[in-house]
Amino acid sequence: MIAVEWQTVAVAAGVYGGWLAIVLSHEAIPWPVGVALLLAVVIARHGSLQHEVLHSHPFPKAWANEVVGSIPISLVCRSVSTDVHTSATMSARTPQTLQPTPKASS
């Protein structure tokens, strides 16, 4: 029986824990540079983790490895980024200011 590679499990916990911490506390981190740099590091490590999953690590069962490596954190980051940009640019606007203005007739 092949043993679980606990170092790779620790990397997975660090990747997903770090990602969750950044996403949940992104308002306290200087935006956008601080969040972008932290997310870049976490997403790069996630790519490394996915590479390990392709080579059947850290678990002997393929389905368990699939669970560890298939969470698309970079897609969720894009969603959070879009929400942040939308709320930042739209906070001062009211629904009335978002309505198209009619063109002046000559």
PDB file of N, CA and C in Angstrom:
ATOM      1  N   MET A   1       0.836  -1.185   0.000  1.00  0.00           N
ATOM      2  CA  MET A   1       0.000   0.000   0.000  1.00  0.00           C
ATOM      3  C   MET A   1       0.886   1.256   0.000  1.00  0.00           C
ATOM      4  N   ILE A   2       0.520   2.217  -0.818  1.00  0.00           N
ATOM      5  CA  ILE A   2       1.267   3.463  -0.927  1.00  0.00           C
ATOM      6  C   ILE A   2       0.761   4.427   0.144  1.00  0.00           C
ATOM      7  N   ALA A   3       1.670   5.077   0.810  1.00  0.00           N
ATOM      8  CA  ALA A   3       1.313   6.013   1.882  1.00  0.00           C
ATOM      9  C   ALA A   3       0.918   7.366   1.307  1.00  0.00           C
ATOM     10  N   VAL A   4       0.185   8.096   2.108  1.00  0.00           N
ATOM     11  CA  VAL A   4      -0.189   9.460   1.756  1.00  0.00           C
ATOM     12  C   VAL A   4       1.044  10.349   1.875  1.00  0.00           C
ATOM     13  N   GLU A   5       1.247  11.235   0.920  1.00  0.00           N
ATOM     14  CA  GLU A   5       2.364  12.183   0.949  1.00  0.00           C
ATOM     15  C   GLU A   5       1.909  13.429   1.697  1.00  0.00           C
ATOM     16  N   TRP A   6       2.228  13.461   2.983  1.00  0.00           N
ATOM     17  CA  TRP A   6       1.732  14.528   3.844  1.00  0.00           C
ATOM     18  C   TRP A   6       2.324  15.892   3.512  1.00  0.00           C
ATOM     19  N   GLN A   7       3.485  15.939   2.924  1.00  0.00           N
ATOM     20  CA  GLN A   7       4.056  17.234   2.521  1.00  0.00           C
ATOM     21  C   GLN A   7       3.201  17.883   1.441  1.00  0.00           C
ATOM     22  N   THR A   8       2.718  17.075   0.505  1.00  0.00           N
ATOM     23  CA  THR A   8       1.861  17.605  -0.550  1.00  0.00           C
ATOM     24  C   THR A   8       0.500  17.992   0.003  1.00  0.00           C
ATOM     25  N   VAL A   9       0.004  17.246   0.974  1.00  0.00           N
ATOM     26  CA  VAL A   9      -1.252  17.607   1.631  1.00  0.00           C
ATOM     27  C   VAL A   9      -1.086  18.950   2.347  1.00  0.00           C
ATOM     28  N   ALA A  10       0.067  19.163   2.971  1.00  0.00           N
ATOM     29  CA  ALA A  10       0.345  20.442   3.643  1.00  0.00           C
ATOM     30  C   ALA A  10       0.392  21.584   2.632  1.00  0.00           C
ATOM     31  N   VAL A  11       0.963  21.335   1.465  1.00  0.00           N
ATOM     32  CA  VAL A  11       0.979  22.366   0.414  1.00  0.00           C
ATOM     33  C   VAL A  11      -0.448  22.697  -0.008  1.00  0.00           C
ATOM     34  N   ALA A  12      -1.278  21.665  -0.177  1.00  0.00           N
ATOM     35  CA  ALA A  12      -2.676  21.885  -0.554  1.00  0.00           C
ATOM     36  C   ALA A  12      -3.404  22.702   0.511  1.00  0.00           C
ATOM     37  N   ALA A  13      -3.184  22.375   1.771  1.00  0.00           N
ATOM     38  CA  ALA A  13      -3.817  23.131   2.856  1.00  0.00           C
ATOM     39  C   ALA A  13      -3.330  24.582   2.853  1.00  0.00           C
ATOM     40  N   GLY A  14      -2.051  24.793   2.599  1.00  0.00           N
ATOM     41  CA  GLY A  14      -1.510  26.145   2.535  1.00  0.00           C
ATOM     42  C   GLY A  14      -2.068  26.935   1.368  1.00  0.00           C
ATOM     43  N   VAL A  15      -2.183  26.281   0.223  1.00  0.00           N
ATOM     44  CA  VAL A  15      -2.721  26.950  -0.968  1.00  0.00           C
ATOM     45  C   VAL A  15      -4.162  27.377  -0.731  1.00  0.00           C
ATOM     46  N   TYR A  16      -5.012  26.427  -0.324  1.00  0.00           N
ATOM     47  CA  TYR A  16      -6.431  26.748  -0.160  1.00  0.00           C
ATOM     48  C   TYR A  16      -6.675  27.635   1.060  1.00  0.00           C
ATOM     49  N   GLY A  17      -5.907  27.439   2.133  1.00  0.00           N
ATOM     50  CA  GLY A  17      -6.034  28.310   3.293  1.00  0.00           C
ATOM     51  C   GLY A  17      -5.574  29.727   2.993  1.00  0.00           C
ATOM     52  N   GLY A  18      -4.456  29.847   2.275  1.00  0.00           N
ATOM     53  CA  GLY A  18      -3.961  31.165   1.888  1.00  0.00           C
ATOM     54  C   GLY A  18      -4.918  31.887   0.965  1.00  0.00           C
ATOM     55  N   TRP A  19      -5.452  31.152   0.008  1.00  0.00           N
ATOM     56  CA  TRP A  19      -6.418  31.734  -0.922  1.00  0.00           C
ATOM     57  C   TRP A  19      -7.653  32.227  -0.180  1.00  0.00           C
ATOM     58  N   LEU A  20      -8.161  31.390   0.730  1.00  0.00           N
ATOM     59  CA  LEU A  20      -9.346  31.776   1.491  1.00  0.00           C
ATOM     60  C   LEU A  20      -9.070  33.000   2.350  1.00  0.00           C
ATOM     61  N   ALA A  21      -7.917  33.042   2.988  1.00  0.00           N
ATOM     62  CA  ALA A  21      -7.555  34.197   3.821  1.00  0.00           C
ATOM     63  C   ALA A  21      -7.474  35.476   2.988  1.00  0.00           C
ATOM     64  N   ILE A  22      -6.892  35.391   1.811  1.00  0.00           N
ATOM     65  CA  ILE A  22      -6.777  36.573   0.946  1.00  0.00           C
ATOM     66  C   ILE A  22      -8.151  37.034   0.477  1.00  0.00           C
ATOM     67  N   VAL A  23      -8.974  36.104   0.049  1.00  0.00           N
ATOM     68  CA  VAL A  23     -10.296  36.462  -0.466  1.00  0.00           C
ATOM     69  C   VAL A  23     -11.164  37.059   0.642  1.00  0.00           C
ATOM     70  N   LEU A  24     -11.104  36.481   1.835  1.00  0.00           N
ATOM     71  CA  LEU A  24     -11.953  36.980   2.919  1.00  0.00           C
ATOM     72  C   LEU A  24     -11.458  38.292   3.507  1.00  0.00           C
ATOM     73  N   SER A  25     -10.162  38.568   3.397  1.00  0.00           N
ATOM     74  CA  SER A  25      -9.627  39.801   3.989  1.00  0.00           C
ATOM     75  C   SER A  25      -9.090  40.772   2.953  1.00  0.00           C
ATOM     76  N   HIS A  26      -9.546  40.666   1.715  1.00  0.00           N
ATOM     77  CA  HIS A  26      -8.997  41.514   0.651  1.00  0.00           C
ATOM     78  C   HIS A  26      -9.242  43.002   0.891  1.00  0.00           C
ATOM     79  N   GLU A  27     -10.273  43.346   1.642  1.00  0.00           N
ATOM     80  CA  GLU A  27     -10.532  44.769   1.898  1.00  0.00           C
ATOM     81  C   GLU A  27      -9.500  45.371   2.848  1.00  0.00           C
ATOM     82  N   ALA A  28      -8.863  44.550   3.673  1.00  0.00           N
ATOM     83  CA  ALA A  28      -7.862  45.047   4.621  1.00  0.00           C
ATOM     84  C   ALA A  28      -6.469  45.120   4.007  1.00  0.00           C
ATOM     85  N   ILE A  29      -6.294  44.527   2.840  1.00  0.00           N
ATOM     86  CA  ILE A  29      -4.999  44.510   2.162  1.00  0.00           C
ATOM     87  C   ILE A  29      -4.975  45.669   1.167  1.00  0.00           C
ATOM     88  N   PRO A  30      -3.861  46.409   1.096  1.00  0.00           N
ATOM     89  CA  PRO A  30      -3.797  47.515   0.126  1.00  0.00           C
ATOM     90  C   PRO A  30      -4.112  47.020  -1.296  1.00  0.00           C
ATOM     91  N   TRP A  31      -5.131  47.562  -1.868  1.00  0.00           N
ATOM     92  CA  TRP A  31      -5.618  47.120  -3.172  1.00  0.00           C
ATOM     93  C   TRP A  31      -5.070  48.027  -4.238  1.00  0.00           C
ATOM     94  N   PRO A  32      -4.793  47.592  -5.407  1.00  0.00           N
ATOM     95  CA  PRO A  32      -4.850  46.231  -5.912  1.00  0.00           C
ATOM     96  C   PRO A  32      -3.516  45.502  -5.843  1.00  0.00           C
ATOM     97  N   VAL A  33      -2.442  46.215  -5.597  1.00  0.00           N
ATOM     98  CA  VAL A  33      -1.114  45.618  -5.689  1.00  0.00           C
ATOM     99  C   VAL A  33      -0.910  44.510  -4.661  1.00  0.00           C
ATOM    100  N   GLY A  34      -1.254  44.760  -3.424  1.00  0.00           N
ATOM    101  CA  GLY A  34      -1.054  43.761  -2.372  1.00  0.00           C
ATOM    102  C   GLY A  34      -1.820  42.488  -2.619  1.00  0.00           C
ATOM    103  N   VAL A  35      -3.086  42.611  -2.937  1.00  0.00           N
ATOM    104  CA  VAL A  35      -3.918  41.436  -3.201  1.00  0.00           C
ATOM    105  C   VAL A  35      -3.431  40.724  -4.450  1.00  0.00           C
ATOM    106  N   ALA A  36      -3.106  41.475  -5.483  1.00  0.00           N
ATOM    107  CA  ALA A  36      -2.665  40.859  -6.734  1.00  0.00           C
ATOM    108  C   ALA A  36      -1.375  40.060  -6.542  1.00  0.00           C
ATOM    109  N   LEU A  37      -0.438  40.608  -5.799  1.00  0.00           N
ATOM    110  CA  LEU A  37       0.818  39.887  -5.563  1.00  0.00           C
ATOM    111  C   LEU A  37       0.602  38.630  -4.722  1.00  0.00           C
ATOM    112  N   LEU A  38      -0.192  38.752  -3.674  1.00  0.00           N
ATOM    113  CA  LEU A  38      -0.471  37.582  -2.837  1.00  0.00           C
ATOM    114  C   LEU A  38      -1.211  36.499  -3.624  1.00  0.00           C
ATOM    115  N   LEU A  39      -2.202  36.905  -4.401  1.00  0.00           N
ATOM    116  CA  LEU A  39      -2.935  35.929  -5.206  1.00  0.00           C
ATOM    117  C   LEU A  39      -2.040  35.304  -6.273  1.00  0.00           C
ATOM    118  N   ALA A  40      -1.120  36.072  -6.824  1.00  0.00           N
ATOM    119  CA  ALA A  40      -0.206  35.517  -7.826  1.00  0.00           C
ATOM    120  C   ALA A  40       0.623  34.387  -7.229  1.00  0.00           C
ATOM    121  N   VAL A  41       1.109  34.581  -6.013  1.00  0.00           N
ATOM    122  CA  VAL A  41       1.904  33.541  -5.354  1.00  0.00           C
ATOM    123  C   VAL A  41       1.052  32.307  -5.077  1.00  0.00           C
ATOM    124  N   VAL A  42      -0.144  32.514  -4.546  1.00  0.00           N
ATOM    125  CA  VAL A  42      -1.010  31.384  -4.210  1.00  0.00           C
ATOM    126  C   VAL A  42      -1.441  30.641  -5.468  1.00  0.00           C
ATOM    127  N   ILE A  43      -1.782  31.360  -6.522  1.00  0.00           N
ATOM    128  CA  ILE A  43      -2.219  30.700  -7.756  1.00  0.00           C
ATOM    129  C   ILE A  43      -1.056  29.961  -8.415  1.00  0.00           C
ATOM    130  N   ALA A  44       0.148  30.494  -8.333  1.00  0.00           N
ATOM    131  CA  ALA A  44       1.324  29.781  -8.862  1.00  0.00           C
ATOM    132  C   ALA A  44       1.558  28.481  -8.095  1.00  0.00           C
ATOM    133  N   ARG A  45       1.434  28.534  -6.778  1.00  0.00           N
ATOM    134  CA  ARG A  45       1.576  27.305  -5.972  1.00  0.00           C
ATOM    135  C   ARG A  45       0.454  26.321  -6.299  1.00  0.00           C
ATOM    136  N   HIS A  46      -0.725  26.839  -6.612  1.00  0.00           N
ATOM    137  CA  HIS A  46      -1.841  25.967  -6.999  1.00  0.00           C
ATOM    138  C   HIS A  46      -1.514  25.237  -8.298  1.00  0.00           C
ATOM    139  N   GLY A  47      -0.862  25.928  -9.223  1.00  0.00           N
ATOM    140  CA  GLY A  47      -0.432  25.272 -10.459  1.00  0.00           C
ATOM    141  C   GLY A  47       0.554  24.155 -10.178  1.00  0.00           C
ATOM    142  N   SER A  48       1.455  24.387  -9.234  1.00  0.00           N
ATOM    143  CA  SER A  48       2.398  23.353  -8.832  1.00  0.00           C
ATOM    144  C   SER A  48       1.673  22.165  -8.192  1.00  0.00           C
ATOM    145  N   LEU A  49       0.677  22.470  -7.387  1.00  0.00           N
ATOM    146  CA  LEU A  49      -0.133  21.410  -6.772  1.00  0.00           C
ATOM    147  C   LEU A  49      -0.868  20.601  -7.842  1.00  0.00           C
ATOM    148  N   GLN A  50      -1.429  21.272  -8.830  1.00  0.00           N
ATOM    149  CA  GLN A  50      -2.114  20.565  -9.910  1.00  0.00           C
ATOM    150  C   GLN A  50      -1.147  19.673 -10.687  1.00  0.00           C
ATOM    151  N   HIS A  51       0.088  20.117 -10.843  1.00  0.00           N
ATOM    152  CA  HIS A  51       1.102  19.297 -11.505  1.00  0.00           C
ATOM    153  C   HIS A  51       1.336  18.008 -10.716  1.00  0.00           C
ATOM    154  N   GLU A  52       1.413  18.130  -9.410  1.00  0.00           N
ATOM    155  CA  GLU A  52       1.590  16.939  -8.568  1.00  0.00           C
ATOM    156  C   GLU A  52       0.390  16.001  -8.682  1.00  0.00           C
ATOM    157  N   VAL A  53      -0.793  16.564  -8.744  1.00  0.00           N
ATOM    158  CA  VAL A  53      -2.008  15.744  -8.889  1.00  0.00           C
ATOM    159  C   VAL A  53      -1.978  14.969 -10.207  1.00  0.00           C
ATOM    160  N   LEU A  54      -1.474  15.590 -11.262  1.00  0.00           N
ATOM    161  CA  LEU A  54      -1.353  14.892 -12.546  1.00  0.00           C
ATOM    162  C   LEU A  54      -0.464  13.651 -12.449  1.00  0.00           C
ATOM    163  N   HIS A  55       0.486  13.694 -11.533  1.00  0.00           N
ATOM    164  CA  HIS A  55       1.399  12.564 -11.344  1.00  0.00           C
ATOM    165  C   HIS A  55       0.983  11.671 -10.183  1.00  0.00           C
ATOM    166  N   SER A  56      -0.316  11.676  -9.862  1.00  0.00           N
ATOM    167  CA  SER A  56      -0.913  10.789  -8.853  1.00  0.00           C
ATOM    168  C   SER A  56      -0.407  11.035  -7.438  1.00  0.00           C
ATOM    169  N   HIS A  57      -0.221  12.287  -7.086  1.00  0.00           N
ATOM    170  CA  HIS A  57       0.157  12.652  -5.720  1.00  0.00           C
ATOM    171  C   HIS A  57      -0.961  13.498  -5.137  1.00  0.00           C
ATOM    172  N   PRO A  58      -1.225  13.558  -3.894  1.00  0.00           N
ATOM    173  CA  PRO A  58      -0.560  12.953  -2.755  1.00  0.00           C
ATOM    174  C   PRO A  58      -1.200  11.640  -2.297  1.00  0.00           C
ATOM    175  N   PHE A  59      -2.343  11.291  -2.894  1.00  0.00           N
ATOM    176  CA  PHE A  59      -3.076  10.117  -2.420  1.00  0.00           C
ATOM    177  C   PHE A  59      -2.969   8.966  -3.411  1.00  0.00           C
ATOM    178  N   PRO A  60      -3.123   7.733  -2.935  1.00  0.00           N
ATOM    179  CA  PRO A  60      -3.097   6.597  -3.849  1.00  0.00           C
ATOM    180  C   PRO A  60      -4.394   6.462  -4.663  1.00  0.00           C
ATOM    181  N   LYS A  61      -5.463   7.111  -4.245  1.00  0.00           N
ATOM    182  CA  LYS A  61      -6.749   7.049  -4.957  1.00  0.00           C
ATOM    183  C   LYS A  61      -6.879   8.240  -5.909  1.00  0.00           C
ATOM    184  N   ALA A  62      -7.213   7.944  -7.164  1.00  0.00           N
ATOM    185  CA  ALA A  62      -7.310   8.994  -8.176  1.00  0.00           C
ATOM    186  C   ALA A  62      -8.408  10.003  -7.854  1.00  0.00           C
ATOM    187  N   TRP A  63      -9.537   9.547  -7.337  1.00  0.00           N
ATOM    188  CA  TRP A  63     -10.638  10.467  -7.043  1.00  0.00           C
ATOM    189  C   TRP A  63     -10.247  11.474  -5.951  1.00  0.00           C
ATOM    190  N   ALA A  64      -9.470  11.038  -4.973  1.00  0.00           N
ATOM    191  CA  ALA A  64      -9.032  11.940  -3.906  1.00  0.00           C
ATOM    192  C   ALA A  64      -8.082  13.003  -4.457  1.00  0.00           C
ATOM    193  N   ASN A  65      -7.190  12.602  -5.342  1.00  0.00           N
ATOM    194  CA  ASN A  65      -6.288  13.568  -5.981  1.00  0.00           C
ATOM    195  C   ASN A  65      -7.076  14.553  -6.834  1.00  0.00           C
ATOM    196  N   GLU A  66      -8.099  14.069  -7.491  1.00  0.00           N
ATOM    197  CA  GLU A  66      -8.938  14.937  -8.324  1.00  0.00           C
ATOM    198  C   GLU A  66      -9.625  16.003  -7.473  1.00  0.00           C
ATOM    199  N   VAL A  67     -10.084  15.599  -6.300  1.00  0.00           N
ATOM    200  CA  VAL A  67     -10.717  16.557  -5.392  1.00  0.00           C
ATOM    201  C   VAL A  67      -9.712  17.629  -4.971  1.00  0.00           C
ATOM    202  N   VAL A  68      -8.501  17.223  -4.652  1.00  0.00           N
ATOM    203  CA  VAL A  68      -7.476  18.160  -4.178  1.00  0.00           C
ATOM    204  C   VAL A  68      -7.085  19.156  -5.274  1.00  0.00           C
ATOM    205  N   GLY A  69      -6.943  18.701  -6.500  1.00  0.00           N
ATOM    206  CA  GLY A  69      -6.395  19.568  -7.538  1.00  0.00           C
ATOM    207  C   GLY A  69      -7.370  20.225  -8.474  1.00  0.00           C
ATOM    208  N   SER A  70      -8.662  19.950  -8.337  1.00  0.00           N
ATOM    209  CA  SER A  70      -9.594  20.440  -9.351  1.00  0.00           C
ATOM    210  C   SER A  70     -10.372  21.689  -8.951  1.00  0.00           C
ATOM    211  N   ILE A  71     -10.097  22.262  -7.803  1.00  0.00           N
ATOM    212  CA  ILE A  71     -10.808  23.469  -7.382  1.00  0.00           C
ATOM    213  C   ILE A  71     -10.230  24.663  -8.144  1.00  0.00           C
ATOM    214  N   PRO A  72     -11.045  25.333  -8.951  1.00  0.00           N
ATOM    215  CA  PRO A  72     -10.530  26.410  -9.819  1.00  0.00           C
ATOM    216  C   PRO A  72     -10.419  27.754  -9.095  1.00  0.00           C
ATOM    217  N   ILE A  73      -9.411  27.894  -8.245  1.00  0.00           N
ATOM    218  CA  ILE A  73      -9.318  29.119  -7.435  1.00  0.00           C
ATOM    219  C   ILE A  73      -9.059  30.366  -8.267  1.00  0.00           C
ATOM    220  N   SER A  74      -8.391  30.231  -9.394  1.00  0.00           N
ATOM    221  CA  SER A  74      -8.121  31.427 -10.196  1.00  0.00           C
ATOM    222  C   SER A  74      -9.403  31.964 -10.828  1.00  0.00           C
ATOM    223  N   LEU A  75     -10.367  31.118 -11.096  1.00  0.00           N
ATOM    224  CA  LEU A  75     -11.642  31.594 -11.636  1.00  0.00           C
ATOM    225  C   LEU A  75     -12.442  32.320 -10.575  1.00  0.00           C
ATOM    226  N   VAL A  76     -12.406  31.821  -9.355  1.00  0.00           N
ATOM    227  CA  VAL A  76     -13.124  32.471  -8.269  1.00  0.00           C
ATOM    228  C   VAL A  76     -12.478  33.809  -7.954  1.00  0.00           C
ATOM    229  N   CYS A  77     -11.160  33.887  -8.059  1.00  0.00           N
ATOM    230  CA  CYS A  77     -10.467  35.160  -7.832  1.00  0.00           C
ATOM    231  C   CYS A  77     -10.941  36.199  -8.829  1.00  0.00           C
ATOM    232  N   ARG A  78     -11.150  35.805 -10.054  1.00  0.00           N
ATOM    233  CA  ARG A  78     -11.643  36.737 -11.070  1.00  0.00           C
ATOM    234  C   ARG A  78     -13.012  37.255 -10.676  1.00  0.00           C
ATOM    235  N   SER A  79     -13.855  36.395 -10.157  1.00  0.00           N
ATOM    236  CA  SER A  79     -15.180  36.810  -9.722  1.00  0.00           C
ATOM    237  C   SER A  79     -15.096  37.810  -8.574  1.00  0.00           C
ATOM    238  N   VAL A  80     -14.238  37.561  -7.606  1.00  0.00           N
ATOM    239  CA  VAL A  80     -14.054  38.487  -6.488  1.00  0.00           C
ATOM    240  C   VAL A  80     -13.518  39.814  -6.999  1.00  0.00           C
ATOM    241  N   SER A  81     -12.549  39.770  -7.912  1.00  0.00           N
ATOM    242  CA  SER A  81     -11.977  40.983  -8.478  1.00  0.00           C
ATOM    243  C   SER A  81     -13.045  41.800  -9.186  1.00  0.00           C
ATOM    244  N   THR A  82     -13.905  41.149  -9.949  1.00  0.00           N
ATOM    245  CA  THR A  82     -14.974  41.843 -10.649  1.00  0.00           C
ATOM    246  C   THR A  82     -15.922  42.482  -9.654  1.00  0.00           C
ATOM    247  N   ASP A  83     -16.265  41.761  -8.585  1.00  0.00           N
ATOM    248  CA  ASP A  83     -17.154  42.319  -7.565  1.00  0.00           C
ATOM    249  C   ASP A  83     -16.533  43.539  -6.905  1.00  0.00           C
ATOM    250  N   VAL A  84     -15.245  43.475  -6.600  1.00  0.00           N
ATOM    251  CA  VAL A  84     -14.567  44.585  -5.948  1.00  0.00           C
ATOM    252  C   VAL A  84     -14.538  45.800  -6.859  1.00  0.00           C
ATOM    253  N   HIS A  85     -14.187  45.601  -8.125  1.00  0.00           N
ATOM    254  CA  HIS A  85     -14.133  46.720  -9.055  1.00  0.00           C
ATOM    255  C   HIS A  85     -15.518  47.306  -9.268  1.00  0.00           C
ATOM    256  N   THR A  86     -16.520  46.456  -9.378  1.00  0.00           N
ATOM    257  CA  THR A  86     -17.876  46.936  -9.589  1.00  0.00           C
ATOM    258  C   THR A  86     -18.348  47.744  -8.395  1.00  0.00           C
ATOM    259  N   SER A  87     -18.127  47.243  -7.184  1.00  0.00           N
ATOM    260  CA  SER A  87     -18.585  47.975  -6.005  1.00  0.00           C
ATOM    261  C   SER A  87     -17.814  49.275  -5.828  1.00  0.00           C
ATOM    262  N   ALA A  88     -16.532  49.294  -6.174  1.00  0.00           N
ATOM    263  CA  ALA A  88     -15.733  50.503  -6.016  1.00  0.00           C
ATOM    264  C   ALA A  88     -16.159  51.585  -7.006  1.00  0.00           C
ATOM    265  N   THR A  89     -16.468  51.185  -8.220  1.00  0.00           N
ATOM    266  CA  THR A  89     -16.822  52.185  -9.232  1.00  0.00           C
ATOM    267  C   THR A  89     -18.294  52.547  -9.202  1.00  0.00           C
ATOM    268  N   MET A  90     -19.116  51.691  -8.636  1.00  0.00           N
ATOM    269  CA  MET A  90     -20.539  51.945  -8.659  1.00  0.00           C
ATOM    270  C   MET A  90     -21.070  52.496  -7.337  1.00  0.00           C
ATOM    271  N   SER A  91     -20.239  52.559  -6.300  1.00  0.00           N
ATOM    272  CA  SER A  91     -20.745  52.928  -4.979  1.00  0.00           C
ATOM    273  C   SER A  91     -21.299  54.355  -4.943  1.00  0.00           C
ATOM    274  N   ALA A  92     -20.729  55.253  -5.703  1.00  0.00           N
ATOM    275  CA  ALA A  92     -21.176  56.643  -5.659  1.00  0.00           C
ATOM    276  C   ALA A  92     -22.354  56.900  -6.592  1.00  0.00           C
ATOM    277  N   ARG A  93     -22.719  55.941  -7.374  1.00  0.00           N
ATOM    278  CA  ARG A  93     -23.782  56.146  -8.343  1.00  0.00           C
ATOM    279  C   ARG A  93     -25.114  55.641  -7.801  1.00  0.00           C
ATOM    280  N   THR A  94     -26.156  56.294  -8.191  1.00  0.00           N
ATOM    281  CA  THR A  94     -27.498  55.854  -7.840  1.00  0.00           C
ATOM    282  C   THR A  94     -28.109  55.195  -9.065  1.00  0.00           C
ATOM    283  N   PRO A  95     -29.200  54.456  -8.918  1.00  0.00           N
ATOM    284  CA  PRO A  95     -29.826  53.841 -10.089  1.00  0.00           C
ATOM    285  C   PRO A  95     -30.206  54.861 -11.155  1.00  0.00           C
ATOM    286  N   GLN A  96     -30.545  56.093 -10.735  1.00  0.00           N
ATOM    287  CA  GLN A  96     -30.924  57.103 -11.718  1.00  0.00           C
ATOM    288  C   GLN A  96     -29.738  57.517 -12.591  1.00  0.00           C
ATOM    289  N   THR A  97     -28.536  57.542 -12.021  1.00  0.00           N
ATOM    290  CA  THR A  97     -27.382  57.963 -12.813  1.00  0.00           C
ATOM    291  C   THR A  97     -26.905  56.864 -13.745  1.00  0.00           C
ATOM    292  N   LEU A  98     -27.379  55.646 -13.540  1.00  0.00           N
ATOM    293  CA  LEU A  98     -26.979  54.548 -14.406  1.00  0.00           C
ATOM    294  C   LEU A  98     -27.852  54.448 -15.654  1.00  0.00           C
ATOM    295  N   GLN A  99     -28.940  55.214 -15.698  1.00  0.00           N
ATOM    296  CA  GLN A  99     -29.836  55.181 -16.841  1.00  0.00           C
ATOM    297  C   GLN A  99     -29.206  55.928 -18.010  1.00  0.00           C
ATOM    298  N   PRO A 100     -29.375  55.417 -19.215  1.00  0.00           N
ATOM    299  CA  PRO A 100     -28.828  56.145 -20.372  1.00  0.00           C
ATOM    300  C   PRO A 100     -29.499  57.502 -20.514  1.00  0.00           C
ATOM    301  N   THR A 101     -28.726  58.470 -20.891  1.00  0.00           N
ATOM    302  CA  THR A 101     -29.288  59.808 -21.079  1.00  0.00           C
ATOM    303  C   THR A 101     -29.721  59.956 -22.534  1.00  0.00           C
ATOM    304  N   PRO A 102     -30.871  60.558 -22.746  1.00  0.00           N
ATOM    305  CA  PRO A 102     -31.332  60.737 -24.133  1.00  0.00           C
ATOM    306  C   PRO A 102     -30.443  61.740 -24.855  1.00  0.00           C
ATOM    307  N   LYS A 103     -30.241  61.484 -26.132  1.00  0.00           N
ATOM    308  CA  LYS A 103     -29.436  62.409 -26.937  1.00  0.00           C
ATOM    309  C   LYS A 103     -30.232  63.674 -27.215  1.00  0.00           C
ATOM    310  N   ALA A 104     -29.521  64.784 -27.189  1.00  0.00           N
ATOM    311  CA  ALA A 104     -30.177  66.069 -27.471  1.00  0.00           C
ATOM    312  C   ALA A 104     -30.485  66.139 -28.963  1.00  0.00           C
ATOM    313  N   SER A 105     -31.695  66.575 -29.283  1.00  0.00           N
ATOM    314  CA  SER A 105     -32.058  66.686 -30.692  1.00  0.00           C
ATOM    315  C   SER A 105     -31.649  68.057 -31.216  1.00  0.00           C
ATOM    316  N   SER A 106     -31.225  68.108 -32.457  1.00  0.00           N
ATOM    317  CA  SER A 106     -30.756  69.363 -33.032  1.00  0.00           C
ATOM    318  C   SER A 106     -31.861  70.113 -33.682  1.00  0.00           C
TER     319      SER A 106
END
